[in-house]
Amino acid sequence: MESARQLAAAGDPSSLSAAVAEAREVSSGNRAAQREIQQWATQAQTLEDRPYLDRAEQFARNGDVASLQAAIAEASRIAEGRALHADAQRQIRTWTGQIQRLQDQPYLAQARQLAEAGDLAGAIATAEQIQSGRALYNDAQADIRNWRNQTEGQTQLRDAYRAAELGTANSLASAIQLADRVSTDSNARAEADRMINAWSQAMLQIAQTQAQSDDLAGAIATANTIPPRTEAYAAAQLQIQSWQNEINTTTVPQ
């Protein structure tokens, strides 16, 4: 082992490799010797492979796709099982992510521009070009979910408007139900809430008109369809109580 140590003391890759080879012949399974052998092998591999990683890092500093690809190719020369393999693989993953961002960022930027212009279908189709496993995939999917919520909310609100067109108590109640399905994440939700309150007020007016025509039972039935959490609900409940008291008064035996 002493001869191997003398070789290793030179510190260059050839001497370290020679020390490893000689020590393996005479170590006879000695644990301390095995540790030295492993240390020398690691040193030799590090010295041999460090230039690949240094060149790769130098290429990557340019930051463009071609340079990053060159960096990956250079770092990939460090084989599995070598001392710097794990470091090389970490860098390769980083550079691969950078390449994917450079390649896919234009799709995401274009998709967001389309969404801002109101073309949600186009935005979704554009963002869907970013494939699973890519660096910007999760960002793209988050935007797509948001845009689909917007699209669905707008469709639900259009359906609610169509349902309300008849202007009857039943059609207004249906319109409220449809509008209330709009997601709270949708930018159509504020309009949906505004229309829900407007339609609930319209239903209350219908009930009041029925009451003025002496159709108190019909007025109560209409007012009872006004959903909770609408602006007209509390007033509707008070009116129902008043109309019910009026019915009870008129039906009391003399």
C-alpha atoms as a PDB file:
ATOM      1  CA  MET A   1       0.000   0.000   0.000  1.00  0.00           C
ATOM      2  CA  GLU A   2       2.893   2.365   0.646  1.00  0.00           C
ATOM      3  CA  SER A   3       3.932   2.254  -2.997  1.00  0.00           C
ATOM      4  CA  ALA A   4       0.318   3.052  -3.991  1.00  0.00           C
ATOM      5  CA  ARG A   5       0.270   5.987  -1.583  1.00  0.00           C
ATOM      6  CA  GLN A   6       3.436   7.365  -3.101  1.00  0.00           C
ATOM      7  CA  LEU A   7       1.872   7.157  -6.532  1.00  0.00           C
ATOM      8  CA  ALA A   8      -1.318   8.866  -5.315  1.00  0.00           C
ATOM      9  CA  ALA A   9       0.696  11.691  -3.762  1.00  0.00           C
ATOM     10  CA  ALA A  10       1.467  13.008  -7.250  1.00  0.00           C
ATOM     11  CA  GLY A  11      -2.202  13.975  -7.473  1.00  0.00           C
ATOM     12  CA  ASP A  12      -2.663  13.751 -11.243  1.00  0.00           C
ATOM     13  CA  PRO A  13      -5.282  11.465 -12.818  1.00  0.00           C
ATOM     14  CA  SER A  14      -2.752   8.970 -14.199  1.00  0.00           C
ATOM     15  CA  SER A  15      -0.926   8.600 -10.903  1.00  0.00           C
ATOM     16  CA  LEU A  16      -4.175   8.278  -8.972  1.00  0.00           C
ATOM     17  CA  SER A  17      -5.468   5.609 -11.367  1.00  0.00           C
ATOM     18  CA  ALA A  18      -2.169   3.747 -11.083  1.00  0.00           C
ATOM     19  CA  ALA A  19      -2.376   3.958  -7.302  1.00  0.00           C
ATOM     20  CA  VAL A  20      -5.874   2.508  -7.391  1.00  0.00           C
ATOM     21  CA  ALA A  21      -4.779  -0.376  -9.614  1.00  0.00           C
ATOM     22  CA  GLU A  22      -1.757  -1.203  -7.451  1.00  0.00           C
ATOM     23  CA  ALA A  23      -3.656  -0.899  -4.176  1.00  0.00           C
ATOM     24  CA  ARG A  24      -6.377  -3.258  -5.359  1.00  0.00           C
ATOM     25  CA  GLU A  25      -3.782  -5.958  -5.877  1.00  0.00           C
ATOM     26  CA  VAL A  26      -2.413  -5.752  -2.356  1.00  0.00           C
ATOM     27  CA  SER A  27      -5.326  -4.479  -0.221  1.00  0.00           C
ATOM     28  CA  SER A  28      -6.726  -7.959   0.525  1.00  0.00           C
ATOM     29  CA  GLY A  29     -10.079  -6.541   1.575  1.00  0.00           C
ATOM     30  CA  ASN A  30      -8.643  -4.203   4.217  1.00  0.00           C
ATOM     31  CA  ARG A  31     -11.339  -1.620   4.960  1.00  0.00           C
ATOM     32  CA  ALA A  32      -8.961   1.277   5.501  1.00  0.00           C
ATOM     33  CA  ALA A  33      -7.257   0.476   2.234  1.00  0.00           C
ATOM     34  CA  GLN A  34     -10.603   0.295   0.480  1.00  0.00           C
ATOM     35  CA  ARG A  35     -11.450   3.771   1.722  1.00  0.00           C
ATOM     36  CA  GLU A  36      -8.182   5.104   0.347  1.00  0.00           C
ATOM     37  CA  ILE A  37      -8.787   3.360  -2.953  1.00  0.00           C
ATOM     38  CA  GLN A  38     -12.247   4.911  -3.205  1.00  0.00           C
ATOM     39  CA  GLN A  39     -10.866   8.330  -2.365  1.00  0.00           C
ATOM     40  CA  TRP A  40      -8.188   8.083  -5.045  1.00  0.00           C
ATOM     41  CA  ALA A  41     -10.694   6.829  -7.617  1.00  0.00           C
ATOM     42  CA  THR A  42     -12.998   9.733  -6.818  1.00  0.00           C
ATOM     43  CA  GLN A  43     -10.135  12.202  -7.104  1.00  0.00           C
ATOM     44  CA  ALA A  44      -9.042  10.741 -10.443  1.00  0.00           C
ATOM     45  CA  GLN A  45     -12.574  10.804 -11.879  1.00  0.00           C
ATOM     46  CA  THR A  46     -13.141  14.353 -10.637  1.00  0.00           C
ATOM     47  CA  LEU A  47      -9.924  15.576 -12.244  1.00  0.00           C
ATOM     48  CA  GLU A  48     -10.713  13.748 -15.485  1.00  0.00           C
ATOM     49  CA  ASP A  49     -14.317  14.901 -15.759  1.00  0.00           C
ATOM     50  CA  ARG A  50     -14.169  18.411 -14.300  1.00  0.00           C
ATOM     51  CA  PRO A  51     -13.131  19.908 -17.668  1.00  0.00           C
ATOM     52  CA  TYR A  52     -16.335  18.553 -19.265  1.00  0.00           C
ATOM     53  CA  LEU A  53     -18.480  20.188 -16.603  1.00  0.00           C
ATOM     54  CA  ASP A  54     -16.506  23.429 -16.703  1.00  0.00           C
ATOM     55  CA  ARG A  55     -16.880  23.663 -20.482  1.00  0.00           C
ATOM     56  CA  ALA A  56     -20.579  22.828 -20.196  1.00  0.00           C
ATOM     57  CA  GLU A  57     -21.107  25.606 -17.659  1.00  0.00           C
ATOM     58  CA  GLN A  58     -19.229  28.024 -19.899  1.00  0.00           C
ATOM     59  CA  PHE A  59     -21.486  27.145 -22.849  1.00  0.00           C
ATOM     60  CA  ALA A  60     -24.601  27.548 -20.695  1.00  0.00           C
ATOM     61  CA  ARG A  61     -23.686  31.096 -19.693  1.00  0.00           C
ATOM     62  CA  ASN A  62     -24.727  32.324 -23.147  1.00  0.00           C
ATOM     63  CA  GLY A  63     -28.304  31.369 -22.249  1.00  0.00           C
ATOM     64  CA  ASP A  64     -29.620  30.647 -25.763  1.00  0.00           C
ATOM     65  CA  VAL A  65     -31.064  27.314 -26.862  1.00  0.00           C
ATOM     66  CA  ALA A  66     -28.064  26.258 -28.976  1.00  0.00           C
ATOM     67  CA  SER A  67     -25.590  27.040 -26.182  1.00  0.00           C
ATOM     68  CA  LEU A  68     -27.688  25.220 -23.598  1.00  0.00           C
ATOM     69  CA  GLN A  69     -27.935  22.193 -25.881  1.00  0.00           C
ATOM     70  CA  ALA A  70     -24.147  22.251 -26.289  1.00  0.00           C
ATOM     71  CA  ALA A  71     -23.802  22.421 -22.501  1.00  0.00           C
ATOM     72  CA  ILE A  72     -26.046  19.387 -22.097  1.00  0.00           C
ATOM     73  CA  ALA A  73     -24.077  17.441 -24.712  1.00  0.00           C
ATOM     74  CA  GLU A  74     -20.798  18.246 -22.958  1.00  0.00           C
ATOM     75  CA  ALA A  75     -22.070  17.356 -19.480  1.00  0.00           C
ATOM     76  CA  SER A  76     -23.567  14.134 -20.823  1.00  0.00           C
ATOM     77  CA  ARG A  77     -20.041  12.874 -21.478  1.00  0.00           C
ATOM     78  CA  ILE A  78     -19.730  12.230 -17.741  1.00  0.00           C
ATOM     79  CA  ALA A  79     -20.849   8.625 -17.465  1.00  0.00           C
ATOM     80  CA  GLU A  80     -23.094   7.074 -14.848  1.00  0.00           C
ATOM     81  CA  GLY A  81     -21.148   5.895 -11.834  1.00  0.00           C
ATOM     82  CA  ARG A  82     -18.508   8.585 -12.163  1.00  0.00           C
ATOM     83  CA  ALA A  83     -17.842  10.968  -9.279  1.00  0.00           C
ATOM     84  CA  LEU A  84     -19.331  14.023 -11.008  1.00  0.00           C
ATOM     85  CA  HIS A  85     -22.260  12.232 -12.657  1.00  0.00           C
ATOM     86  CA  ALA A  86     -24.843  13.444 -10.119  1.00  0.00           C
ATOM     87  CA  ASP A  87     -23.600  17.037 -10.445  1.00  0.00           C
ATOM     88  CA  ALA A  88     -23.733  16.786 -14.226  1.00  0.00           C
ATOM     89  CA  GLN A  89     -27.264  15.414 -14.150  1.00  0.00           C
ATOM     90  CA  ARG A  90     -28.465  18.224 -11.890  1.00  0.00           C
ATOM     91  CA  GLN A  91     -27.042  20.771 -14.278  1.00  0.00           C
ATOM     92  CA  ILE A  92     -28.540  18.958 -17.265  1.00  0.00           C
ATOM     93  CA  ARG A  93     -31.987  19.092 -15.657  1.00  0.00           C
ATOM     94  CA  THR A  94     -31.547  22.825 -15.009  1.00  0.00           C
ATOM     95  CA  TRP A  95     -30.438  23.518 -18.574  1.00  0.00           C
ATOM     96  CA  THR A  96     -33.208  21.342 -19.997  1.00  0.00           C
ATOM     97  CA  GLY A  97     -35.739  23.391 -18.055  1.00  0.00           C
ATOM     98  CA  GLN A  98     -34.196  26.608 -19.375  1.00  0.00           C
ATOM     99  CA  ILE A  99     -34.440  25.339 -22.957  1.00  0.00           C
ATOM    100  CA  GLN A 100     -38.078  24.357 -22.480  1.00  0.00           C
ATOM    101  CA  ARG A 101     -38.912  27.764 -21.045  1.00  0.00           C
ATOM    102  CA  LEU A 102     -37.238  29.521 -23.961  1.00  0.00           C
ATOM    103  CA  GLN A 103     -39.119  27.314 -26.415  1.00  0.00           C
ATOM    104  CA  ASP A 104     -42.539  27.458 -24.736  1.00  0.00           C
ATOM    105  CA  GLN A 105     -42.677  30.971 -23.322  1.00  0.00           C
ATOM    106  CA  PRO A 106     -43.836  32.417 -26.684  1.00  0.00           C
ATOM    107  CA  TYR A 107     -46.866  30.062 -26.649  1.00  0.00           C
ATOM    108  CA  LEU A 108     -47.812  31.109 -23.117  1.00  0.00           C
ATOM    109  CA  ALA A 109     -47.302  34.792 -23.865  1.00  0.00           C
ATOM    110  CA  GLN A 110     -49.439  34.541 -27.010  1.00  0.00           C
ATOM    111  CA  ALA A 111     -52.135  32.606 -25.141  1.00  0.00           C
ATOM    112  CA  ARG A 112     -52.301  35.294 -22.449  1.00  0.00           C
ATOM    113  CA  GLN A 113     -52.538  38.028 -25.066  1.00  0.00           C
ATOM    114  CA  LEU A 114     -55.440  36.194 -26.725  1.00  0.00           C
ATOM    115  CA  ALA A 115     -57.171  35.820 -23.348  1.00  0.00           C
ATOM    116  CA  GLU A 116     -56.796  39.529 -22.635  1.00  0.00           C
ATOM    117  CA  ALA A 117     -58.357  40.231 -26.030  1.00  0.00           C
ATOM    118  CA  GLY A 118     -61.326  38.025 -25.109  1.00  0.00           C
ATOM    119  CA  ASP A 119     -60.428  35.052 -27.317  1.00  0.00           C
ATOM    120  CA  LEU A 120     -60.507  32.426 -24.593  1.00  0.00           C
ATOM    121  CA  ALA A 121     -60.897  29.510 -27.004  1.00  0.00           C
ATOM    122  CA  GLY A 122     -57.808  30.640 -28.893  1.00  0.00           C
ATOM    123  CA  ALA A 123     -55.929  31.149 -25.653  1.00  0.00           C
ATOM    124  CA  ILE A 124     -56.731  27.618 -24.499  1.00  0.00           C
ATOM    125  CA  ALA A 125     -55.752  26.076 -27.841  1.00  0.00           C
ATOM    126  CA  THR A 126     -52.447  27.960 -27.846  1.00  0.00           C
ATOM    127  CA  ALA A 127     -51.525  27.087 -24.248  1.00  0.00           C
ATOM    128  CA  GLU A 128     -52.371  23.425 -24.875  1.00  0.00           C
ATOM    129  CA  GLN A 129     -49.361  23.243 -27.194  1.00  0.00           C
ATOM    130  CA  ILE A 130     -47.178  23.115 -24.069  1.00  0.00           C
ATOM    131  CA  GLN A 131     -46.890  19.404 -23.379  1.00  0.00           C
ATOM    132  CA  SER A 132     -46.922  17.489 -20.109  1.00  0.00           C
ATOM    133  CA  GLY A 133     -43.521  17.255 -18.456  1.00  0.00           C
ATOM    134  CA  ARG A 134     -42.320  20.572 -19.858  1.00  0.00           C
ATOM    135  CA  ALA A 135     -41.061  23.320 -17.548  1.00  0.00           C
ATOM    136  CA  LEU A 136     -44.030  25.642 -18.181  1.00  0.00           C
ATOM    137  CA  TYR A 137     -46.693  22.909 -18.283  1.00  0.00           C
ATOM    138  CA  ASN A 138     -48.088  23.618 -14.805  1.00  0.00           C
ATOM    139  CA  ASP A 139     -48.265  27.361 -15.518  1.00  0.00           C
ATOM    140  CA  ALA A 140     -50.066  26.677 -18.790  1.00  0.00           C
ATOM    141  CA  GLN A 141     -52.522  24.286 -17.139  1.00  0.00           C
ATOM    142  CA  ALA A 142     -53.332  26.792 -14.396  1.00  0.00           C
ATOM    143  CA  ASP A 143     -54.146  29.400 -17.042  1.00  0.00           C
ATOM    144  CA  ILE A 144     -56.172  26.888 -19.057  1.00  0.00           C
ATOM    145  CA  ARG A 145     -58.267  25.978 -15.993  1.00  0.00           C
ATOM    146  CA  ASN A 146     -58.917  29.651 -15.357  1.00  0.00           C
ATOM    147  CA  TRP A 147     -59.895  30.314 -18.976  1.00  0.00           C
ATOM    148  CA  ARG A 148     -62.183  27.287 -19.048  1.00  0.00           C
ATOM    149  CA  ASN A 149     -63.878  28.606 -15.912  1.00  0.00           C
ATOM    150  CA  GLN A 150     -64.329  31.924 -17.678  1.00  0.00           C
ATOM    151  CA  THR A 151     -65.740  30.233 -20.779  1.00  0.00           C
ATOM    152  CA  GLU A 152     -68.096  28.050 -18.761  1.00  0.00           C
ATOM    153  CA  GLY A 153     -69.208  31.012 -16.661  1.00  0.00           C
ATOM    154  CA  GLN A 154     -69.988  33.083 -19.726  1.00  0.00           C
ATOM    155  CA  THR A 155     -72.003  30.218 -21.220  1.00  0.00           C
ATOM    156  CA  GLN A 156     -73.965  29.750 -17.996  1.00  0.00           C
ATOM    157  CA  LEU A 157     -74.673  33.467 -17.812  1.00  0.00           C
ATOM    158  CA  ARG A 158     -75.882  33.553 -21.429  1.00  0.00           C
ATOM    159  CA  ASP A 159     -78.208  30.638 -20.631  1.00  0.00           C
ATOM    160  CA  ALA A 160     -79.498  32.552 -17.602  1.00  0.00           C
ATOM    161  CA  TYR A 161     -80.246  35.628 -19.718  1.00  0.00           C
ATOM    162  CA  ARG A 162     -82.156  33.473 -22.194  1.00  0.00           C
ATOM    163  CA  ALA A 163     -84.165  31.870 -19.379  1.00  0.00           C
ATOM    164  CA  ALA A 164     -85.073  35.302 -18.005  1.00  0.00           C
ATOM    165  CA  GLU A 165     -86.405  36.597 -21.320  1.00  0.00           C
ATOM    166  CA  LEU A 166     -89.994  35.415 -20.650  1.00  0.00           C
ATOM    167  CA  GLY A 167     -90.118  37.585 -17.552  1.00  0.00           C
ATOM    168  CA  THR A 168     -92.334  35.186 -15.588  1.00  0.00           C
ATOM    169  CA  ALA A 169     -91.674  34.223 -12.007  1.00  0.00           C
ATOM    170  CA  ASN A 170     -90.722  30.689 -13.046  1.00  0.00           C
ATOM    171  CA  SER A 171     -88.393  31.858 -15.826  1.00  0.00           C
ATOM    172  CA  LEU A 172     -86.714  34.334 -13.489  1.00  0.00           C
ATOM    173  CA  ALA A 173     -86.259  31.617 -10.857  1.00  0.00           C
ATOM    174  CA  SER A 174     -84.653  29.394 -13.514  1.00  0.00           C
ATOM    175  CA  ALA A 175     -82.416  32.276 -14.587  1.00  0.00           C
ATOM    176  CA  ILE A 176     -81.242  32.739 -11.005  1.00  0.00           C
ATOM    177  CA  GLN A 177     -80.452  29.041 -10.670  1.00  0.00           C
ATOM    178  CA  LEU A 178     -78.396  29.098 -13.884  1.00  0.00           C
ATOM    179  CA  ALA A 179     -76.544  32.276 -12.925  1.00  0.00           C
ATOM    180  CA  ASP A 180     -75.733  30.881  -9.496  1.00  0.00           C
ATOM    181  CA  ARG A 181     -73.784  28.049 -11.167  1.00  0.00           C
ATOM    182  CA  VAL A 182     -71.163  30.509 -12.399  1.00  0.00           C
ATOM    183  CA  SER A 183     -67.918  29.749 -10.559  1.00  0.00           C
ATOM    184  CA  THR A 184     -66.659  32.253  -8.018  1.00  0.00           C
ATOM    185  CA  ASP A 185     -63.351  32.072  -9.934  1.00  0.00           C
ATOM    186  CA  SER A 186     -65.008  33.293 -13.124  1.00  0.00           C
ATOM    187  CA  ASN A 187     -64.839  36.931 -14.154  1.00  0.00           C
ATOM    188  CA  ALA A 188     -68.523  36.523 -15.050  1.00  0.00           C
ATOM    189  CA  ARG A 189     -69.427  35.971 -11.385  1.00  0.00           C
ATOM    190  CA  ALA A 190     -69.792  39.674 -10.556  1.00  0.00           C
ATOM    191  CA  GLU A 191     -72.293  40.133 -13.385  1.00  0.00           C
ATOM    192  CA  ALA A 192     -74.063  36.918 -12.362  1.00  0.00           C
ATOM    193  CA  ASP A 193     -74.474  38.210  -8.788  1.00  0.00           C
ATOM    194  CA  ARG A 194     -75.771  41.541 -10.063  1.00  0.00           C
ATOM    195  CA  MET A 195     -78.349  39.845 -12.286  1.00  0.00           C
ATOM    196  CA  ILE A 196     -79.369  37.396  -9.564  1.00  0.00           C
ATOM    197  CA  ASN A 197     -80.280  40.351  -7.381  1.00  0.00           C
ATOM    198  CA  ALA A 198     -82.007  42.152 -10.234  1.00  0.00           C
ATOM    199  CA  TRP A 199     -84.078  39.092 -11.114  1.00  0.00           C
ATOM    200  CA  SER A 200     -84.971  38.502  -7.459  1.00  0.00           C
ATOM    201  CA  GLN A 201     -86.266  42.085  -7.282  1.00  0.00           C
ATOM    202  CA  ALA A 202     -88.284  41.478 -10.456  1.00  0.00           C
ATOM    203  CA  MET A 203     -89.807  38.378  -8.868  1.00  0.00           C
ATOM    204  CA  LEU A 204     -90.775  40.405  -5.806  1.00  0.00           C
ATOM    205  CA  GLN A 205     -92.466  42.976  -8.051  1.00  0.00           C
ATOM    206  CA  ILE A 206     -94.425  40.186  -9.760  1.00  0.00           C
ATOM    207  CA  ALA A 207     -95.556  38.924  -6.337  1.00  0.00           C
ATOM    208  CA  GLN A 208     -96.574  42.440  -5.293  1.00  0.00           C
ATOM    209  CA  THR A 209     -98.564  42.866  -8.518  1.00  0.00           C
ATOM    210  CA  GLN A 210    -100.361  39.594  -7.804  1.00  0.00           C
ATOM    211  CA  ALA A 211    -101.167  40.794  -4.293  1.00  0.00           C
ATOM    212  CA  GLN A 212    -102.566  44.062  -5.643  1.00  0.00           C
ATOM    213  CA  SER A 213    -104.848  41.957  -7.849  1.00  0.00           C
ATOM    214  CA  ASP A 214    -106.109  40.164  -4.724  1.00  0.00           C
ATOM    215  CA  ASP A 215    -104.228  36.979  -5.636  1.00  0.00           C
ATOM    216  CA  LEU A 216    -102.570  36.673  -2.239  1.00  0.00           C
ATOM    217  CA  ALA A 217    -102.023  32.925  -2.530  1.00  0.00           C
ATOM    218  CA  GLY A 218    -100.292  33.413  -5.880  1.00  0.00           C
ATOM    219  CA  ALA A 219     -98.243  36.290  -4.448  1.00  0.00           C
ATOM    220  CA  ILE A 220     -97.075  34.105  -1.573  1.00  0.00           C
ATOM    221  CA  ALA A 221     -96.208  31.259  -3.937  1.00  0.00           C
ATOM    222  CA  THR A 222     -94.169  33.602  -6.133  1.00  0.00           C
ATOM    223  CA  ALA A 223     -92.385  35.238  -3.216  1.00  0.00           C
ATOM    224  CA  ASN A 224     -91.520  31.831  -1.799  1.00  0.00           C
ATOM    225  CA  THR A 225     -89.495  31.071  -4.946  1.00  0.00           C
ATOM    226  CA  ILE A 226     -87.127  33.983  -4.292  1.00  0.00           C
ATOM    227  CA  PRO A 227     -83.892  32.282  -3.181  1.00  0.00           C
ATOM    228  CA  PRO A 228     -82.103  33.062   0.067  1.00  0.00           C
ATOM    229  CA  ARG A 229     -78.988  35.244  -0.124  1.00  0.00           C
ATOM    230  CA  THR A 230     -80.611  37.510  -2.726  1.00  0.00           C
ATOM    231  CA  GLU A 231     -81.300  41.172  -2.040  1.00  0.00           C
ATOM    232  CA  ALA A 232     -85.048  40.678  -2.303  1.00  0.00           C
ATOM    233  CA  TYR A 233     -85.237  37.662   0.007  1.00  0.00           C
ATOM    234  CA  ALA A 234     -85.683  39.483   3.326  1.00  0.00           C
ATOM    235  CA  ALA A 235     -88.320  41.817   1.888  1.00  0.00           C
ATOM    236  CA  ALA A 236     -90.086  38.834   0.306  1.00  0.00           C
ATOM    237  CA  GLN A 237     -90.268  37.043   3.634  1.00  0.00           C
ATOM    238  CA  LEU A 238     -91.804  40.097   5.309  1.00  0.00           C
ATOM    239  CA  GLN A 239     -94.355  40.384   2.503  1.00  0.00           C
ATOM    240  CA  ILE A 240     -95.214  36.699   2.772  1.00  0.00           C
ATOM    241  CA  GLN A 241     -95.889  37.127   6.484  1.00  0.00           C
ATOM    242  CA  SER A 242     -98.046  40.202   5.828  1.00  0.00           C
ATOM    243  CA  TRP A 243    -100.036  38.508   3.082  1.00  0.00           C
ATOM    244  CA  GLN A 244    -100.487  35.374   5.148  1.00  0.00           C
ATOM    245  CA  ASN A 245    -101.793  37.490   8.057  1.00  0.00           C
ATOM    246  CA  GLU A 246    -104.211  39.183   5.653  1.00  0.00           C
ATOM    247  CA  ILE A 247    -105.476  35.821   4.420  1.00  0.00           C
ATOM    248  CA  ASN A 248    -105.871  34.597   8.012  1.00  0.00           C
ATOM    249  CA  THR A 249    -107.769  37.756   8.944  1.00  0.00           C
ATOM    250  CA  THR A 250    -110.229  37.470   6.084  1.00  0.00           C
ATOM    251  CA  THR A 251    -110.914  33.800   6.795  1.00  0.00           C
ATOM    252  CA  VAL A 252    -111.597  34.210  10.515  1.00  0.00           C
ATOM    253  CA  PRO A 253    -115.306  33.305  11.198  1.00  0.00           C
ATOM    254  CA  GLN A 254    -117.474  36.292  12.219  1.00  0.00           C
END
